PDB file of N, CA and C in Angstrom:
ATOM      1  N   MET A   1      31.389 131.415 134.379  1.00  0.00           N
ATOM      2  CA  MET A   1      30.832 130.340 135.200  1.00  0.00           C
ATOM      3  C   MET A   1      30.621 130.848 136.623  1.00  0.00           C
ATOM      4  N   PHE A   2      29.496 130.536 137.188  1.00  0.00           N
ATOM      5  CA  PHE A   2      29.155 130.950 138.550  1.00  0.00           C
ATOM      6  C   PHE A   2      29.919 130.121 139.570  1.00  0.00           C
ATOM      7  N   GLN A   3      30.463 130.790 140.577  1.00  0.00           N
ATOM      8  CA  GLN A   3      30.995 130.104 141.755  1.00  0.00           C
ATOM      9  C   GLN A   3      30.676 130.984 142.952  1.00  0.00           C
ATOM     10  N   CYS A   4      29.999 130.411 143.928  1.00  0.00           N
ATOM     11  CA  CYS A   4      29.575 131.145 145.112  1.00  0.00           C
ATOM     12  C   CYS A   4      30.793 131.645 145.892  1.00  0.00           C
ATOM     13  N   ASP A   5      30.776 132.924 146.258  1.00  0.00           N
ATOM     14  CA  ASP A   5      31.863 133.508 147.045  1.00  0.00           C
ATOM     15  C   ASP A   5      31.863 133.025 148.484  1.00  0.00           C
ATOM     16  N   VAL A   6      30.740 132.513 148.966  1.00  0.00           N
ATOM     17  CA  VAL A   6      30.630 132.083 150.353  1.00  0.00           C
ATOM     18  C   VAL A   6      31.024 130.614 150.533  1.00  0.00           C
ATOM     19  N   CYS A   7      30.423 129.720 149.741  1.00  0.00           N
ATOM     20  CA  CYS A   7      30.646 128.281 149.964  1.00  0.00           C
ATOM     21  C   CYS A   7      31.375 127.576 148.828  1.00  0.00           C
ATOM     22  N   GLY A   8      31.560 128.254 147.687  1.00  0.00           N
ATOM     23  CA  GLY A   8      32.282 127.657 146.574  1.00  0.00           C
ATOM     24  C   GLY A   8      31.442 126.814 145.632  1.00  0.00           C
ATOM     25  N   SER A   9      30.159 126.651 145.910  1.00  0.00           N
ATOM     26  CA  SER A   9      29.293 125.849 145.048  1.00  0.00           C
ATOM     27  C   SER A   9      29.187 126.484 143.662  1.00  0.00           C
ATOM     28  N   THR A  10      28.982 125.644 142.661  1.00  0.00           N
ATOM     29  CA  THR A  10      28.789 126.152 141.294  1.00  0.00           C
ATOM     30  C   THR A  10      27.328 126.016 140.842  1.00  0.00           C
ATOM     31  N   GLU A  11      26.447 125.623 141.743  1.00  0.00           N
ATOM     32  CA  GLU A  11      25.030 125.460 141.402  1.00  0.00           C
ATOM     33  C   GLU A  11      24.226 126.634 141.929  1.00  0.00           C
ATOM     34  N   TYR A  12      23.355 127.161 141.076  1.00  0.00           N
ATOM     35  CA  TYR A  12      22.544 128.309 141.451  1.00  0.00           C
ATOM     36  C   TYR A  12      21.212 128.268 140.721  1.00  0.00           C
ATOM     37  N   THR A  13      20.300 129.100 141.202  1.00  0.00           N
ATOM     38  CA  THR A  13      19.049 129.333 140.493  1.00  0.00           C
ATOM     39  C   THR A  13      18.968 130.820 140.189  1.00  0.00           C
ATOM     40  N   ARG A  14      18.244 131.156 139.139  1.00  0.00           N
ATOM     41  CA  ARG A  14      17.981 132.558 138.827  1.00  0.00           C
ATOM     42  C   ARG A  14      16.632 132.904 139.420  1.00  0.00           C
ATOM     43  N   GLU A  15      16.622 133.936 140.243  1.00  0.00           N
ATOM     44  CA  GLU A  15      15.392 134.323 140.937  1.00  0.00           C
ATOM     45  C   GLU A  15      15.247 135.834 140.949  1.00  0.00           C
ATOM     46  N   LEU A  16      14.026 136.289 141.180  1.00  0.00           N
ATOM     47  CA  LEU A  16      13.778 137.694 141.476  1.00  0.00           C
ATOM     48  C   LEU A  16      13.684 137.801 142.995  1.00  0.00           C
ATOM     49  N   VAL A  17      14.547 138.643 143.585  1.00  0.00           N
ATOM     50  CA  VAL A  17      14.628 138.738 145.036  1.00  0.00           C
ATOM     51  C   VAL A  17      14.377 140.173 145.485  1.00  0.00           C
ATOM     52  N   ASN A  18      14.109 140.320 146.770  1.00  0.00           N
ATOM     53  CA  ASN A  18      13.984 141.639 147.397  1.00  0.00           C
ATOM     54  C   ASN A  18      15.186 141.813 148.319  1.00  0.00           C
ATOM     55  N   GLU A  19      15.721 143.036 148.369  1.00  0.00           N
ATOM     56  CA  GLU A  19      16.896 143.280 149.206  1.00  0.00           C
ATOM     57  C   GLU A  19      16.801 144.687 149.796  1.00  0.00           C
ATOM     58  N   ILE A  20      17.252 144.822 151.042  1.00  0.00           N
ATOM     59  CA  ILE A  20      17.309 146.126 151.702  1.00  0.00           C
ATOM     60  C   ILE A  20      18.748 146.610 151.660  1.00  0.00           C
ATOM     61  N   PHE A  21      18.933 147.844 151.183  1.00  0.00           N
ATOM     62  CA  PHE A  21      20.248 148.474 151.120  1.00  0.00           C
ATOM     63  C   PHE A  21      20.253 149.681 152.049  1.00  0.00           C
ATOM     64  N   GLU A  22      21.409 149.968 152.671  1.00  0.00           N
ATOM     65  CA  GLU A  22      21.568 151.209 153.420  1.00  0.00           C
ATOM     66  C   GLU A  22      22.315 152.175 152.519  1.00  0.00           C
ATOM     67  N   ILE A  23      21.665 153.278 152.187  1.00  0.00           N
ATOM     68  CA  ILE A  23      22.231 154.254 151.269  1.00  0.00           C
ATOM     69  C   ILE A  23      22.183 155.625 151.925  1.00  0.00           C
ATOM     70  N   GLU A  24      23.362 156.183 152.160  1.00  0.00           N
ATOM     71  CA  GLU A  24      23.480 157.503 152.777  1.00  0.00           C
ATOM     72  C   GLU A  24      22.649 157.608 154.051  1.00  0.00           C
ATOM     73  N   GLY A  25      22.722 156.581 154.891  1.00  0.00           N
ATOM     74  CA  GLY A  25      22.050 156.590 156.185  1.00  0.00           C
ATOM     75  C   GLY A  25      20.575 156.261 156.169  1.00  0.00           C
ATOM     76  N   ARG A  26      20.027 155.920 155.005  1.00  0.00           N
ATOM     77  CA  ARG A  26      18.616 155.532 154.952  1.00  0.00           C
ATOM     78  C   ARG A  26      18.509 154.129 154.365  1.00  0.00           C
ATOM     79  N   PHE A  27      17.485 153.425 154.783  1.00  0.00           N
ATOM     80  CA  PHE A  27      17.279 152.071 154.298  1.00  0.00           C
ATOM     81  C   PHE A  27      16.307 152.092 153.132  1.00  0.00           C
ATOM     82  N   VAL A  28      16.662 151.353 152.082  1.00  0.00           N
ATOM     83  CA  VAL A  28      15.869 151.328 150.861  1.00  0.00           C
ATOM     84  C   VAL A  28      15.600 149.872 150.494  1.00  0.00           C
ATOM     85  N   LEU A  29      14.334 149.538 150.293  1.00  0.00           N
ATOM     86  CA  LEU A  29      13.950 148.205 149.844  1.00  0.00           C
ATOM     87  C   LEU A  29      13.811 148.236 148.333  1.00  0.00           C
ATOM     88  N   VAL A  30      14.513 147.345 147.653  1.00  0.00           N
ATOM     89  CA  VAL A  30      14.381 147.217 146.202  1.00  0.00           C
ATOM     90  C   VAL A  30      13.777 145.842 145.934  1.00  0.00           C
ATOM     91  N   GLU A  31      12.687 145.828 145.190  1.00  0.00           N
ATOM     92  CA  GLU A  31      11.972 144.586 144.912  1.00  0.00           C
ATOM     93  C   GLU A  31      12.291 144.073 143.508  1.00  0.00           C
ATOM     94  N   ASN A  32      12.129 142.769 143.337  1.00  0.00           N
ATOM     95  CA  ASN A  32      12.235 142.102 142.027  1.00  0.00           C
ATOM     96  C   ASN A  32      13.595 142.283 141.359  1.00  0.00           C
ATOM     97  N   ILE A  33      14.648 142.065 142.125  1.00  0.00           N
ATOM     98  CA  ILE A  33      16.006 142.179 141.597  1.00  0.00           C
ATOM     99  C   ILE A  33      16.401 140.837 140.993  1.00  0.00           C
ATOM    100  N   PRO A  34      16.835 140.799 139.728  1.00  0.00           N
ATOM    101  CA  PRO A  34      17.323 139.538 139.167  1.00  0.00           C
ATOM    102  C   PRO A  34      18.637 139.153 139.842  1.00  0.00           C
ATOM    103  N   ALA A  35      18.708 137.909 140.325  1.00  0.00           N
ATOM    104  CA  ALA A  35      19.883 137.465 141.073  1.00  0.00           C
ATOM    105  C   ALA A  35      20.188 136.004 140.788  1.00  0.00           C
ATOM    106  N   HIS A  36      21.461 135.660 140.965  1.00  0.00           N
ATOM    107  CA  HIS A  36      21.868 134.263 141.034  1.00  0.00           C
ATOM    108  C   HIS A  36      21.858 133.901 142.517  1.00  0.00           C
ATOM    109  N   VAL A  37      21.137 132.860 142.880  1.00  0.00           N
ATOM    110  CA  VAL A  37      21.035 132.446 144.273  1.00  0.00           C
ATOM    111  C   VAL A  37      21.662 131.062 144.406  1.00  0.00           C
ATOM    112  N   CYS A  38      22.683 130.960 145.253  1.00  0.00           N
ATOM    113  CA  CYS A  38      23.381 129.689 145.465  1.00  0.00           C
ATOM    114  C   CYS A  38      22.408 128.652 146.022  1.00  0.00           C
ATOM    115  N   THR A  39      22.380 127.470 145.414  1.00  0.00           N
ATOM    116  CA  THR A  39      21.456 126.426 145.873  1.00  0.00           C
ATOM    117  C   THR A  39      21.926 125.776 147.168  1.00  0.00           C
ATOM    118  N   ARG A  40      23.195 125.939 147.510  1.00  0.00           N
ATOM    119  CA  ARG A  40      23.704 125.339 148.741  1.00  0.00           C
ATOM    120  C   ARG A  40      23.504 126.252 149.944  1.00  0.00           C
ATOM    121  N   CYS A  41      23.941 127.510 149.854  1.00  0.00           N
ATOM    122  CA  CYS A  41      23.911 128.375 151.041  1.00  0.00           C
ATOM    123  C   CYS A  41      22.923 129.544 150.943  1.00  0.00           C
ATOM    124  N   GLY A  42      22.379 129.804 149.750  1.00  0.00           N
ATOM    125  CA  GLY A  42      21.392 130.864 149.599  1.00  0.00           C
ATOM    126  C   GLY A  42      21.969 132.250 149.365  1.00  0.00           C
ATOM    127  N   ASP A  43      23.300 132.374 149.260  1.00  0.00           N
ATOM    128  CA  ASP A  43      23.906 133.675 149.007  1.00  0.00           C
ATOM    129  C   ASP A  43      23.425 134.210 147.660  1.00  0.00           C
ATOM    130  N   MET A  44      23.149 135.517 147.604  1.00  0.00           N
ATOM    131  CA  MET A  44      22.645 136.142 146.389  1.00  0.00           C
ATOM    132  C   MET A  44      23.746 136.961 145.732  1.00  0.00           C
ATOM    133  N   THR A  45      23.832 136.858 144.403  1.00  0.00           N
ATOM    134  CA  THR A  45      24.808 137.621 143.637  1.00  0.00           C
ATOM    135  C   THR A  45      24.075 138.407 142.563  1.00  0.00           C
ATOM    136  N   PHE A  46      24.426 139.711 142.466  1.00  0.00           N
ATOM    137  CA  PHE A  46      23.825 140.589 141.468  1.00  0.00           C
ATOM    138  C   PHE A  46      24.886 140.971 140.444  1.00  0.00           C
ATOM    139  N   SER A  47      24.471 141.141 139.197  1.00  0.00           N
ATOM    140  CA  SER A  47      25.410 141.561 138.153  1.00  0.00           C
ATOM    141  C   SER A  47      25.795 143.027 138.364  1.00  0.00           C
ATOM    142  N   ARG A  48      26.910 143.417 137.749  1.00  0.00           N
ATOM    143  CA  ARG A  48      27.333 144.823 137.816  1.00  0.00           C
ATOM    144  C   ARG A  48      26.282 145.729 137.197  1.00  0.00           C
ATOM    145  N   GLU A  49      25.704 145.285 136.098  1.00  0.00           N
ATOM    146  CA  GLU A  49      24.681 146.083 135.422  1.00  0.00           C
ATOM    147  C   GLU A  49      23.465 146.295 136.327  1.00  0.00           C
ATOM    148  N   THR A  50      23.066 145.237 137.034  1.00  0.00           N
ATOM    149  CA  THR A  50      21.928 145.334 137.946  1.00  0.00           C
ATOM    150  C   THR A  50      22.246 146.289 139.085  1.00  0.00           C
ATOM    151  N   MET A  51      23.442 146.193 139.661  1.00  0.00           N
ATOM    152  CA  MET A  51      23.826 147.088 140.757  1.00  0.00           C
ATOM    153  C   MET A  51      23.866 148.536 140.295  1.00  0.00           C
ATOM    154  N   GLU A  52      24.340 148.779 139.086  1.00  0.00           N
ATOM    155  CA  GLU A  52      24.361 150.145 138.555  1.00  0.00           C
ATOM    156  C   GLU A  52      22.941 150.658 138.349  1.00  0.00           C
ATOM    157  N   GLN A  53      22.058 149.809 137.864  1.00  0.00           N
ATOM    158  CA  GLN A  53      20.654 150.194 137.686  1.00  0.00           C
ATOM    159  C   GLN A  53      20.023 150.543 139.033  1.00  0.00           C
ATOM    160  N   ILE A  54      20.319 149.747 140.068  1.00  0.00           N
ATOM    161  CA  ILE A  54      19.795 150.026 141.410  1.00  0.00           C
ATOM    162  C   ILE A  54      20.346 151.356 141.919  1.00  0.00           C
ATOM    163  N   ARG A  55      21.656 151.576 141.747  1.00  0.00           N
ATOM    164  CA  ARG A  55      22.284 152.820 142.199  1.00  0.00           C
ATOM    165  C   ARG A  55      21.610 154.033 141.561  1.00  0.00           C
ATOM    166  N   GLN A  56      21.426 153.981 140.263  1.00  0.00           N
ATOM    167  CA  GLN A  56      20.791 155.098 139.570  1.00  0.00           C
ATOM    168  C   GLN A  56      19.350 155.298 140.037  1.00  0.00           C
ATOM    169  N   MET A  57      18.637 154.198 140.204  1.00  0.00           N
ATOM    170  CA  MET A  57      17.233 154.275 140.585  1.00  0.00           C
ATOM    171  C   MET A  57      17.067 154.923 141.961  1.00  0.00           C
ATOM    172  N   VAL A  58      17.850 154.510 142.950  1.00  0.00           N
ATOM    173  CA  VAL A  58      17.650 155.021 144.305  1.00  0.00           C
ATOM    174  C   VAL A  58      18.169 156.445 144.470  1.00  0.00           C
ATOM    175  N   HIS A  59      19.058 156.889 143.591  1.00  0.00           N
ATOM    176  CA  HIS A  59      19.568 158.255 143.680  1.00  0.00           C
ATOM    177  C   HIS A  59      18.802 159.232 142.794  1.00  0.00           C
ATOM    178  N   ASP A  60      18.195 158.752 141.718  1.00  0.00           N
ATOM    179  CA  ASP A  60      17.631 159.648 140.714  1.00  0.00           C
ATOM    180  C   ASP A  60      16.112 159.655 140.620  1.00  0.00           C
ATOM    181  N   THR A  61      15.449 158.725 141.287  1.00  0.00           N
ATOM    182  CA  THR A  61      13.997 158.669 141.150  1.00  0.00           C
ATOM    183  C   THR A  61      13.312 158.647 142.512  1.00  0.00           C
ATOM    184  N   THR A  62      12.034 158.893 142.484  1.00  0.00           N
ATOM    185  CA  THR A  62      11.224 158.859 143.696  1.00  0.00           C
ATOM    186  C   THR A  62      10.718 157.434 143.907  1.00  0.00           C
ATOM    187  N   ALA A  63      10.676 157.014 145.156  1.00  0.00           N
ATOM    188  CA  ALA A  63      10.206 155.666 145.482  1.00  0.00           C
ATOM    189  C   ALA A  63       8.777 155.465 144.992  1.00  0.00           C
ATOM    190  N   SER A  64       8.481 154.240 144.560  1.00  0.00           N
ATOM    191  CA  SER A  64       7.139 153.946 144.071  1.00  0.00           C
ATOM    192  C   SER A  64       6.132 153.777 145.211  1.00  0.00           C
ATOM    193  N   LYS A  65       6.628 153.484 146.412  1.00  0.00           N
ATOM    194  CA  LYS A  65       5.775 153.401 147.593  1.00  0.00           C
ATOM    195  C   LYS A  65       6.664 153.469 148.824  1.00  0.00           C
ATOM    196  N   SER A  66       6.074 153.693 149.982  1.00  0.00           N
ATOM    197  CA  SER A  66       6.843 153.681 151.223  1.00  0.00           C
ATOM    198  C   SER A  66       6.081 152.859 152.250  1.00  0.00           C
ATOM    199  N   LEU A  67       6.805 152.421 153.271  1.00  0.00           N
ATOM    200  CA  LEU A  67       6.174 151.615 154.294  1.00  0.00           C
ATOM    201  C   LEU A  67       6.779 151.909 155.651  1.00  0.00           C
ATOM    202  N   LYS A  68       6.040 151.575 156.683  1.00  0.00           N
ATOM    203  CA  LYS A  68       6.512 151.734 158.052  1.00  0.00           C
ATOM    204  C   LYS A  68       7.411 150.548 158.363  1.00  0.00           C
ATOM    205  N   LEU A  69       8.505 150.810 159.061  1.00  0.00           N
ATOM    206  CA  LEU A  69       9.450 149.744 159.374  1.00  0.00           C
ATOM    207  C   LEU A  69       9.773 149.762 160.854  1.00  0.00           C
ATOM    208  N   ASP A  70       9.566 148.650 161.541  1.00  0.00           N
ATOM    209  CA  ASP A  70       9.965 148.528 162.941  1.00  0.00           C
ATOM    210  C   ASP A  70      11.441 148.174 162.987  1.00  0.00           C
ATOM    211  N   VAL A  71      12.170 148.812 163.903  1.00  0.00           N
ATOM    212  CA  VAL A  71      13.607 148.584 164.038  1.00  0.00           C
ATOM    213  C   VAL A  71      13.894 148.110 165.450  1.00  0.00           C
ATOM    214  N   PHE A  72      14.660 147.041 165.579  1.00  0.00           N
ATOM    215  CA  PHE A  72      15.080 146.500 166.854  1.00  0.00           C
ATOM    216  C   PHE A  72      16.599 146.496 166.906  1.00  0.00           C
ATOM    217  N   THR A  73      17.164 146.792 168.061  1.00  0.00           N
ATOM    218  CA  THR A  73      18.607 146.794 168.233  1.00  0.00           C
ATOM    219  C   THR A  73      18.979 145.688 169.204  1.00  0.00           C
ATOM    220  N   LEU A  74      19.885 144.830 168.766  1.00  0.00           N
ATOM    221  CA  LEU A  74      20.380 143.745 169.605  1.00  0.00           C
ATOM    222  C   LEU A  74      21.608 144.255 170.345  1.00  0.00           C
ATOM    223  N   VAL A  75      21.514 144.295 171.665  1.00  0.00           N
ATOM    224  CA  VAL A  75      22.604 144.850 172.461  1.00  0.00           C
ATOM    225  C   VAL A  75      23.606 143.792 172.843  1.00  0.00           C
TER     226      VAL A  75
END
């Protein structure tokens, strides 16, 4: 049974989401990740299998595309 780690809600939707990960000092955007998204606070939860698939993909394969990213630092 799903329970949100942030707000405790048990209601969620299943969605495909995009997420940016920092891996070994570089930022990687992964698109279309299956996730449980809390309907109350919006926190996203990924399965262990999905996280392992992402880990293997970003370490073992070449990116399907790249993009320019503007970075701002809040002091």
